[in-house]
Amino acid sequence: MNYWLMKSEPDVFSIDDLKRVRVEPWDGIRNYQARNFMRDEMRIGDQAFFYHSNCDEPGIVGIMKVASKPYPDHTQFEPDSRYHDPKSDPDNPRWILVDVRFVRKLKRTVTLAEMRRESELEGMRLLMRGNRLSVMPVDKAHWDHILGML
């Protein structure tokens, strides 16, 4: 099993939204490295931290599971979508997504500031300078440490 961290802005799609709908396509990824993680390494059943970004208190707010194999992100072909990509070819789609399934909301947010203070999380991609990826792998040791912080 692989472990992931996937970011979303809570005013766009939050952990509460995922809890309400239960399963959701994780669309709108427009970074090649993040896409490659989803396309090449994610597997059904992998677990992911749900991370609220670009908000007053960024941090991990929940856990979800990968619920589908990767498939083309339909928003790339929708002209009215903010994720429209006119250069993407329907016969060879540039962008993909996976469905994610709600597992649980954490009792509290594990904040970015809190994680930065943890020496055991050294080397975690999220905490590396300049890393702005919205989808990234999480080492099992880091995953377990974060769960132990709850």
N, C-alpha and C. Protein backbone atom coordinates (compact mmCIF):
# COMPACT_ATOMS: atom_id res chain seq x y z
N MET A 1 0.84 -1.18 0.00
CA MET A 1 0.00 0.00 0.00
C MET A 1 0.89 1.24 0.00
N ASN A 2 0.45 2.25 -0.74
CA ASN A 2 1.12 3.53 -0.76
C ASN A 2 0.32 4.53 0.07
N TYR A 3 1.01 5.58 0.49
CA TYR A 3 0.39 6.64 1.29
C TYR A 3 0.63 7.96 0.57
N TRP A 4 -0.37 8.86 0.67
CA TRP A 4 -0.36 10.10 -0.09
C TRP A 4 -0.83 11.26 0.76
N LEU A 5 -0.55 12.45 0.28
CA LEU A 5 -1.15 13.67 0.80
C LEU A 5 -1.71 14.40 -0.40
N MET A 6 -2.98 14.79 -0.32
CA MET A 6 -3.66 15.46 -1.42
C MET A 6 -4.28 16.75 -0.88
N LYS A 7 -3.95 17.84 -1.55
CA LYS A 7 -4.37 19.16 -1.09
C LYS A 7 -5.61 19.65 -1.81
N SER A 8 -6.43 20.37 -1.06
CA SER A 8 -7.58 21.07 -1.63
C SER A 8 -7.84 22.32 -0.80
N GLU A 9 -8.24 23.37 -1.46
CA GLU A 9 -8.64 24.58 -0.75
C GLU A 9 -10.03 24.35 -0.17
N PRO A 10 -10.21 24.58 1.12
CA PRO A 10 -11.49 24.24 1.74
C PRO A 10 -12.68 25.03 1.20
N ASP A 11 -12.44 26.20 0.62
CA ASP A 11 -13.56 26.94 0.04
C ASP A 11 -13.93 26.42 -1.36
N VAL A 12 -13.09 25.53 -1.92
CA VAL A 12 -13.38 24.89 -3.20
C VAL A 12 -13.98 23.50 -2.96
N PHE A 13 -13.27 22.68 -2.16
CA PHE A 13 -13.75 21.35 -1.80
C PHE A 13 -13.08 20.96 -0.50
N SER A 14 -13.87 20.74 0.53
CA SER A 14 -13.35 20.50 1.88
C SER A 14 -13.57 19.06 2.32
N ILE A 15 -12.99 18.72 3.45
CA ILE A 15 -13.21 17.40 4.03
C ILE A 15 -14.69 17.19 4.34
N ASP A 16 -15.38 18.25 4.73
CA ASP A 16 -16.82 18.13 4.99
C ASP A 16 -17.59 17.85 3.71
N ASP A 17 -17.14 18.42 2.59
CA ASP A 17 -17.77 18.12 1.30
C ASP A 17 -17.58 16.64 0.96
N LEU A 18 -16.35 16.13 1.16
CA LEU A 18 -16.11 14.72 0.87
C LEU A 18 -16.93 13.83 1.80
N LYS A 19 -17.04 14.22 3.06
CA LYS A 19 -17.85 13.42 4.00
C LYS A 19 -19.30 13.36 3.52
N ARG A 20 -19.79 14.46 3.00
CA ARG A 20 -21.19 14.52 2.54
C ARG A 20 -21.41 13.65 1.30
N VAL A 21 -20.48 13.71 0.31
CA VAL A 21 -20.69 12.97 -0.94
C VAL A 21 -20.11 11.56 -0.92
N ARG A 22 -19.21 11.29 0.04
CA ARG A 22 -18.59 9.97 0.27
C ARG A 22 -17.51 9.61 -0.75
N VAL A 23 -17.79 9.73 -2.06
CA VAL A 23 -16.81 9.43 -3.12
C VAL A 23 -16.82 10.59 -4.10
N GLU A 24 -15.63 11.00 -4.53
CA GLU A 24 -15.53 12.16 -5.41
C GLU A 24 -14.33 12.00 -6.36
N PRO A 25 -14.50 12.39 -7.63
CA PRO A 25 -13.34 12.45 -8.53
C PRO A 25 -12.40 13.57 -8.08
N TRP A 26 -11.12 13.27 -7.97
CA TRP A 26 -10.13 14.28 -7.56
C TRP A 26 -9.63 14.94 -8.85
N ASP A 27 -10.38 15.92 -9.32
CA ASP A 27 -10.11 16.52 -10.62
C ASP A 27 -9.30 17.81 -10.51
N GLY A 28 -8.94 18.34 -11.66
CA GLY A 28 -8.27 19.63 -11.71
C GLY A 28 -6.77 19.61 -11.49
N ILE A 29 -6.15 18.44 -11.43
CA ILE A 29 -4.70 18.37 -11.25
C ILE A 29 -4.05 18.77 -12.58
N ARG A 30 -3.26 19.86 -12.53
CA ARG A 30 -2.63 20.37 -13.75
C ARG A 30 -1.13 20.57 -13.55
N ASN A 31 -0.52 19.61 -12.90
CA ASN A 31 0.92 19.58 -12.70
C ASN A 31 1.37 18.19 -13.13
N TYR A 32 2.38 18.13 -13.98
CA TYR A 32 2.79 16.84 -14.55
C TYR A 32 3.30 15.87 -13.49
N GLN A 33 4.06 16.34 -12.52
CA GLN A 33 4.58 15.42 -11.50
C GLN A 33 3.45 14.86 -10.66
N ALA A 34 2.49 15.71 -10.25
CA ALA A 34 1.33 15.23 -9.49
C ALA A 34 0.51 14.26 -10.33
N ARG A 35 0.33 14.59 -11.60
CA ARG A 35 -0.40 13.68 -12.50
C ARG A 35 0.30 12.33 -12.59
N ASN A 36 1.63 12.36 -12.71
CA ASN A 36 2.37 11.10 -12.83
C ASN A 36 2.24 10.24 -11.58
N PHE A 37 2.23 10.88 -10.40
CA PHE A 37 2.01 10.11 -9.18
C PHE A 37 0.66 9.41 -9.25
N MET A 38 -0.38 10.14 -9.65
CA MET A 38 -1.72 9.56 -9.71
C MET A 38 -1.79 8.47 -10.78
N ARG A 39 -1.23 8.75 -11.92
CA ARG A 39 -1.31 7.81 -13.06
C ARG A 39 -0.47 6.56 -12.85
N ASP A 40 0.74 6.73 -12.33
CA ASP A 40 1.71 5.64 -12.33
C ASP A 40 1.85 4.90 -11.00
N GLU A 41 1.50 5.54 -9.89
CA GLU A 41 1.80 4.94 -8.60
C GLU A 41 0.59 4.71 -7.69
N MET A 42 -0.47 5.46 -7.88
CA MET A 42 -1.64 5.27 -7.01
C MET A 42 -2.36 3.98 -7.35
N ARG A 43 -2.82 3.32 -6.30
CA ARG A 43 -3.56 2.07 -6.46
C ARG A 43 -4.83 2.13 -5.63
N ILE A 44 -5.85 1.42 -6.07
CA ILE A 44 -7.08 1.34 -5.30
C ILE A 44 -6.74 0.82 -3.90
N GLY A 45 -7.25 1.48 -2.89
CA GLY A 45 -7.00 1.10 -1.50
C GLY A 45 -5.89 1.89 -0.84
N ASP A 46 -5.05 2.58 -1.63
CA ASP A 46 -4.04 3.45 -1.03
C ASP A 46 -4.73 4.47 -0.14
N GLN A 47 -4.08 4.86 0.93
CA GLN A 47 -4.64 5.86 1.83
C GLN A 47 -4.00 7.22 1.58
N ALA A 48 -4.77 8.27 1.83
CA ALA A 48 -4.27 9.63 1.61
C ALA A 48 -4.75 10.55 2.72
N PHE A 49 -3.86 11.43 3.12
CA PHE A 49 -4.26 12.53 3.99
C PHE A 49 -4.97 13.57 3.15
N PHE A 50 -6.07 14.09 3.66
CA PHE A 50 -6.77 15.22 3.04
C PHE A 50 -6.22 16.47 3.72
N TYR A 51 -5.62 17.35 2.93
CA TYR A 51 -4.92 18.54 3.44
C TYR A 51 -5.64 19.79 2.96
N HIS A 52 -6.04 20.64 3.89
CA HIS A 52 -6.62 21.94 3.54
C HIS A 52 -5.48 22.93 3.31
N SER A 53 -5.44 23.52 2.13
CA SER A 53 -4.39 24.47 1.78
C SER A 53 -4.98 25.85 1.52
N ASN A 54 -4.10 26.83 1.47
CA ASN A 54 -4.49 28.20 1.14
C ASN A 54 -5.66 28.67 2.01
N CYS A 55 -5.47 28.51 3.32
CA CYS A 55 -6.49 28.90 4.28
C CYS A 55 -5.80 29.42 5.54
N ASP A 56 -6.56 29.88 6.51
CA ASP A 56 -5.98 30.44 7.73
C ASP A 56 -5.09 29.46 8.47
N GLU A 57 -5.52 28.20 8.52
CA GLU A 57 -4.75 27.19 9.24
C GLU A 57 -4.55 25.96 8.35
N PRO A 58 -3.55 26.00 7.44
CA PRO A 58 -3.35 24.84 6.57
C PRO A 58 -2.92 23.62 7.39
N GLY A 59 -3.43 22.47 6.96
CA GLY A 59 -3.05 21.25 7.66
C GLY A 59 -3.86 20.05 7.22
N ILE A 60 -3.53 18.91 7.81
CA ILE A 60 -4.20 17.65 7.53
C ILE A 60 -5.49 17.61 8.35
N VAL A 61 -6.60 17.35 7.65
CA VAL A 61 -7.91 17.39 8.30
C VAL A 61 -8.67 16.07 8.22
N GLY A 62 -8.17 15.13 7.41
CA GLY A 62 -8.89 13.88 7.27
C GLY A 62 -8.10 12.82 6.54
N ILE A 63 -8.73 11.67 6.41
CA ILE A 63 -8.15 10.53 5.71
C ILE A 63 -9.15 10.04 4.67
N MET A 64 -8.62 9.68 3.51
CA MET A 64 -9.45 9.13 2.44
C MET A 64 -8.68 7.98 1.79
N LYS A 65 -9.38 7.23 0.96
CA LYS A 65 -8.76 6.12 0.23
C LYS A 65 -8.94 6.35 -1.26
N VAL A 66 -7.98 5.87 -2.03
CA VAL A 66 -8.11 5.87 -3.48
C VAL A 66 -9.15 4.80 -3.83
N ALA A 67 -10.17 5.22 -4.60
CA ALA A 67 -11.31 4.35 -4.85
C ALA A 67 -11.45 3.92 -6.30
N SER A 68 -10.53 4.34 -7.17
CA SER A 68 -10.61 3.93 -8.58
C SER A 68 -9.23 3.91 -9.19
N LYS A 69 -9.14 3.25 -10.32
CA LYS A 69 -7.94 3.36 -11.14
C LYS A 69 -7.96 4.76 -11.77
N PRO A 70 -6.81 5.25 -12.24
CA PRO A 70 -6.81 6.55 -12.90
C PRO A 70 -7.60 6.50 -14.21
N TYR A 71 -8.26 7.61 -14.51
CA TYR A 71 -9.00 7.73 -15.77
C TYR A 71 -9.00 9.20 -16.19
N PRO A 72 -9.33 9.50 -17.45
CA PRO A 72 -9.24 10.88 -17.94
C PRO A 72 -10.10 11.85 -17.14
N ASP A 73 -9.51 12.99 -16.83
CA ASP A 73 -10.22 14.08 -16.14
C ASP A 73 -11.11 14.78 -17.17
N HIS A 74 -12.41 14.64 -17.02
CA HIS A 74 -13.37 15.20 -17.97
C HIS A 74 -13.30 16.72 -18.06
N THR A 75 -12.85 17.38 -17.01
CA THR A 75 -12.84 18.85 -17.00
C THR A 75 -11.88 19.43 -18.03
N GLN A 76 -10.89 18.65 -18.47
CA GLN A 76 -9.96 19.16 -19.47
C GLN A 76 -10.64 19.42 -20.81
N PHE A 77 -11.77 18.77 -21.05
CA PHE A 77 -12.49 18.90 -22.31
C PHE A 77 -13.70 19.81 -22.25
N GLU A 78 -13.99 20.38 -21.08
CA GLU A 78 -15.16 21.25 -20.90
C GLU A 78 -14.75 22.71 -21.03
N PRO A 79 -15.14 23.38 -22.12
CA PRO A 79 -14.71 24.76 -22.37
C PRO A 79 -15.05 25.74 -21.23
N ASP A 80 -16.11 25.48 -20.49
CA ASP A 80 -16.49 26.39 -19.41
C ASP A 80 -15.80 26.08 -18.08
N SER A 81 -15.05 24.99 -18.04
CA SER A 81 -14.37 24.61 -16.80
C SER A 81 -13.11 25.43 -16.61
N ARG A 82 -12.82 25.76 -15.36
CA ARG A 82 -11.57 26.47 -15.08
C ARG A 82 -10.37 25.57 -15.31
N TYR A 83 -10.60 24.27 -15.48
CA TYR A 83 -9.54 23.31 -15.72
C TYR A 83 -9.45 22.89 -17.20
N HIS A 84 -10.18 23.59 -18.06
CA HIS A 84 -10.17 23.28 -19.49
C HIS A 84 -8.74 23.38 -20.04
N ASP A 85 -8.38 22.42 -20.87
CA ASP A 85 -7.08 22.42 -21.54
C ASP A 85 -7.31 22.20 -23.03
N PRO A 86 -7.33 23.27 -23.81
CA PRO A 86 -7.63 23.13 -25.25
C PRO A 86 -6.58 22.31 -26.00
N LYS A 87 -5.41 22.10 -25.42
CA LYS A 87 -4.36 21.33 -26.09
C LYS A 87 -4.45 19.83 -25.81
N SER A 88 -5.31 19.45 -24.88
CA SER A 88 -5.46 18.03 -24.57
C SER A 88 -6.31 17.35 -25.63
N ASP A 89 -5.84 16.20 -26.08
CA ASP A 89 -6.49 15.44 -27.14
C ASP A 89 -7.37 14.34 -26.53
N PRO A 90 -8.65 14.30 -26.88
CA PRO A 90 -9.52 13.26 -26.33
C PRO A 90 -9.02 11.83 -26.61
N ASP A 91 -8.28 11.65 -27.71
CA ASP A 91 -7.74 10.32 -28.03
C ASP A 91 -6.48 10.01 -27.23
N ASN A 92 -5.88 11.04 -26.64
CA ASN A 92 -4.68 10.87 -25.81
C ASN A 92 -4.71 11.93 -24.71
N PRO A 93 -5.62 11.77 -23.74
CA PRO A 93 -5.82 12.81 -22.71
C PRO A 93 -4.54 13.11 -21.94
N ARG A 94 -4.34 14.38 -21.68
CA ARG A 94 -3.15 14.83 -20.95
C ARG A 94 -3.33 14.67 -19.44
N TRP A 95 -4.57 14.85 -18.95
CA TRP A 95 -4.81 14.92 -17.51
C TRP A 95 -5.71 13.77 -17.05
N ILE A 96 -5.39 13.24 -15.89
CA ILE A 96 -6.16 12.13 -15.34
C ILE A 96 -6.59 12.47 -13.91
N LEU A 97 -7.43 11.61 -13.37
CA LEU A 97 -7.86 11.75 -11.98
C LEU A 97 -8.09 10.37 -11.40
N VAL A 98 -8.29 10.33 -10.11
CA VAL A 98 -8.75 9.13 -9.43
C VAL A 98 -9.93 9.53 -8.57
N ASP A 99 -10.79 8.59 -8.28
CA ASP A 99 -11.85 8.82 -7.31
C ASP A 99 -11.28 8.57 -5.92
N VAL A 100 -11.72 9.37 -4.96
CA VAL A 100 -11.33 9.18 -3.57
C VAL A 100 -12.58 8.94 -2.73
N ARG A 101 -12.41 8.14 -1.68
CA ARG A 101 -13.52 7.78 -0.78
C ARG A 101 -13.21 8.29 0.62
N PHE A 102 -14.18 8.93 1.23
CA PHE A 102 -14.06 9.42 2.60
C PHE A 102 -13.82 8.25 3.55
N VAL A 103 -12.85 8.40 4.46
CA VAL A 103 -12.62 7.43 5.52
C VAL A 103 -13.00 8.06 6.86
N ARG A 104 -12.35 9.20 7.19
CA ARG A 104 -12.73 9.87 8.42
C ARG A 104 -12.17 11.29 8.46
N LYS A 105 -12.86 12.10 9.21
CA LYS A 105 -12.40 13.44 9.51
C LYS A 105 -11.62 13.35 10.82
N LEU A 106 -10.49 14.03 10.88
CA LEU A 106 -9.71 14.01 12.12
C LEU A 106 -10.39 14.85 13.19
N LYS A 107 -10.15 14.51 14.44
CA LYS A 107 -10.74 15.26 15.56
C LYS A 107 -10.19 16.67 15.63
N ARG A 108 -8.98 16.84 15.09
CA ARG A 108 -8.37 18.16 15.05
C ARG A 108 -7.47 18.24 13.84
N THR A 109 -7.17 19.45 13.41
CA THR A 109 -6.26 19.66 12.29
C THR A 109 -4.83 19.48 12.77
N VAL A 110 -4.05 18.71 12.04
CA VAL A 110 -2.61 18.63 12.27
C VAL A 110 -2.02 19.72 11.37
N THR A 111 -1.63 20.82 11.98
CA THR A 111 -1.27 22.01 11.21
C THR A 111 0.12 21.88 10.58
N LEU A 112 0.30 22.66 9.54
CA LEU A 112 1.59 22.73 8.88
C LEU A 112 2.66 23.19 9.87
N ALA A 113 2.34 24.21 10.65
CA ALA A 113 3.30 24.73 11.63
C ALA A 113 3.70 23.65 12.63
N GLU A 114 2.73 22.87 13.08
CA GLU A 114 2.99 21.79 14.02
C GLU A 114 3.90 20.73 13.40
N MET A 115 3.62 20.37 12.15
CA MET A 115 4.44 19.36 11.48
C MET A 115 5.88 19.84 11.29
N ARG A 116 6.04 21.13 11.02
CA ARG A 116 7.39 21.69 10.84
C ARG A 116 8.25 21.55 12.10
N ARG A 117 7.62 21.49 13.25
CA ARG A 117 8.35 21.38 14.52
C ARG A 117 8.76 19.95 14.85
N GLU A 118 8.29 18.99 14.10
CA GLU A 118 8.53 17.57 14.39
C GLU A 118 9.79 17.09 13.66
N SER A 119 10.84 16.80 14.39
CA SER A 119 12.08 16.33 13.76
C SER A 119 11.86 14.98 13.05
N GLU A 120 10.90 14.19 13.53
CA GLU A 120 10.62 12.89 12.92
C GLU A 120 10.05 13.03 11.51
N LEU A 121 9.58 14.23 11.16
CA LEU A 121 9.02 14.44 9.82
C LEU A 121 10.03 15.05 8.85
N GLU A 122 11.29 15.11 9.27
CA GLU A 122 12.33 15.63 8.39
C GLU A 122 12.34 14.81 7.09
N GLY A 123 12.42 15.50 5.97
CA GLY A 123 12.42 14.84 4.68
C GLY A 123 11.05 14.66 4.07
N MET A 124 9.99 14.96 4.80
CA MET A 124 8.64 14.86 4.25
C MET A 124 8.49 15.91 3.15
N ARG A 125 8.01 15.48 1.98
CA ARG A 125 7.90 16.37 0.82
C ARG A 125 7.14 17.65 1.13
N LEU A 126 6.06 17.52 1.87
CA LEU A 126 5.24 18.68 2.20
C LEU A 126 6.07 19.77 2.86
N LEU A 127 7.05 19.38 3.65
CA LEU A 127 7.82 20.32 4.45
C LEU A 127 9.08 20.81 3.76
N MET A 128 9.33 20.32 2.56
CA MET A 128 10.52 20.73 1.82
C MET A 128 10.31 22.11 1.22
N ARG A 129 11.34 22.90 1.26
CA ARG A 129 11.30 24.27 0.75
C ARG A 129 10.89 24.28 -0.73
N GLY A 130 9.92 25.13 -1.05
CA GLY A 130 9.50 25.32 -2.43
C GLY A 130 8.57 24.25 -2.98
N ASN A 131 8.19 23.24 -2.19
CA ASN A 131 7.32 22.19 -2.69
C ASN A 131 5.88 22.66 -2.65
N ARG A 132 5.27 22.76 -3.82
CA ARG A 132 3.89 23.22 -3.91
C ARG A 132 2.98 22.18 -4.57
N LEU A 133 3.46 20.95 -4.67
CA LEU A 133 2.65 19.91 -5.30
C LEU A 133 1.35 19.69 -4.55
N SER A 134 0.28 19.43 -5.29
CA SER A 134 -1.02 19.18 -4.66
C SER A 134 -1.26 17.70 -4.39
N VAL A 135 -0.43 16.84 -4.96
CA VAL A 135 -0.49 15.40 -4.72
C VAL A 135 0.94 14.93 -4.52
N MET A 136 1.20 14.27 -3.40
CA MET A 136 2.57 13.82 -3.13
C MET A 136 2.57 12.56 -2.29
N PRO A 137 3.58 11.72 -2.47
CA PRO A 137 3.69 10.53 -1.63
C PRO A 137 4.09 10.89 -0.20
N VAL A 138 3.71 10.03 0.72
CA VAL A 138 4.08 10.16 2.14
C VAL A 138 4.72 8.85 2.55
N ASP A 139 5.91 8.93 3.13
CA ASP A 139 6.57 7.72 3.64
C ASP A 139 5.73 7.12 4.76
N LYS A 140 5.76 5.80 4.87
CA LYS A 140 5.00 5.10 5.92
C LYS A 140 5.40 5.59 7.31
N ALA A 141 6.68 5.85 7.55
CA ALA A 141 7.12 6.34 8.86
C ALA A 141 6.52 7.71 9.15
N HIS A 142 6.44 8.57 8.15
CA HIS A 142 5.83 9.89 8.33
C HIS A 142 4.33 9.76 8.56
N TRP A 143 3.69 8.88 7.79
CA TRP A 143 2.26 8.61 7.95
C TRP A 143 1.96 8.19 9.40
N ASP A 144 2.71 7.22 9.87
CA ASP A 144 2.49 6.70 11.23
C ASP A 144 2.76 7.77 12.29
N HIS A 145 3.79 8.57 12.08
CA HIS A 145 4.10 9.62 13.05
C HIS A 145 2.98 10.65 13.14
N ILE A 146 2.47 11.05 11.97
CA ILE A 146 1.37 12.02 11.97
C ILE A 146 0.15 11.45 12.67
N LEU A 147 -0.18 10.21 12.42
CA LEU A 147 -1.32 9.60 13.11
C LEU A 147 -1.08 9.55 14.62
N GLY A 148 0.16 9.39 15.01
CA GLY A 148 0.50 9.38 16.43
C GLY A 148 0.41 10.75 17.07
N MET A 149 0.36 11.80 16.28
CA MET A 149 0.25 13.17 16.81
C MET A 149 -1.18 13.49 17.20
N LEU A 150 -2.13 12.66 16.82
CA LEU A 150 -3.55 12.97 17.09
C LEU A 150 -3.92 12.73 18.53
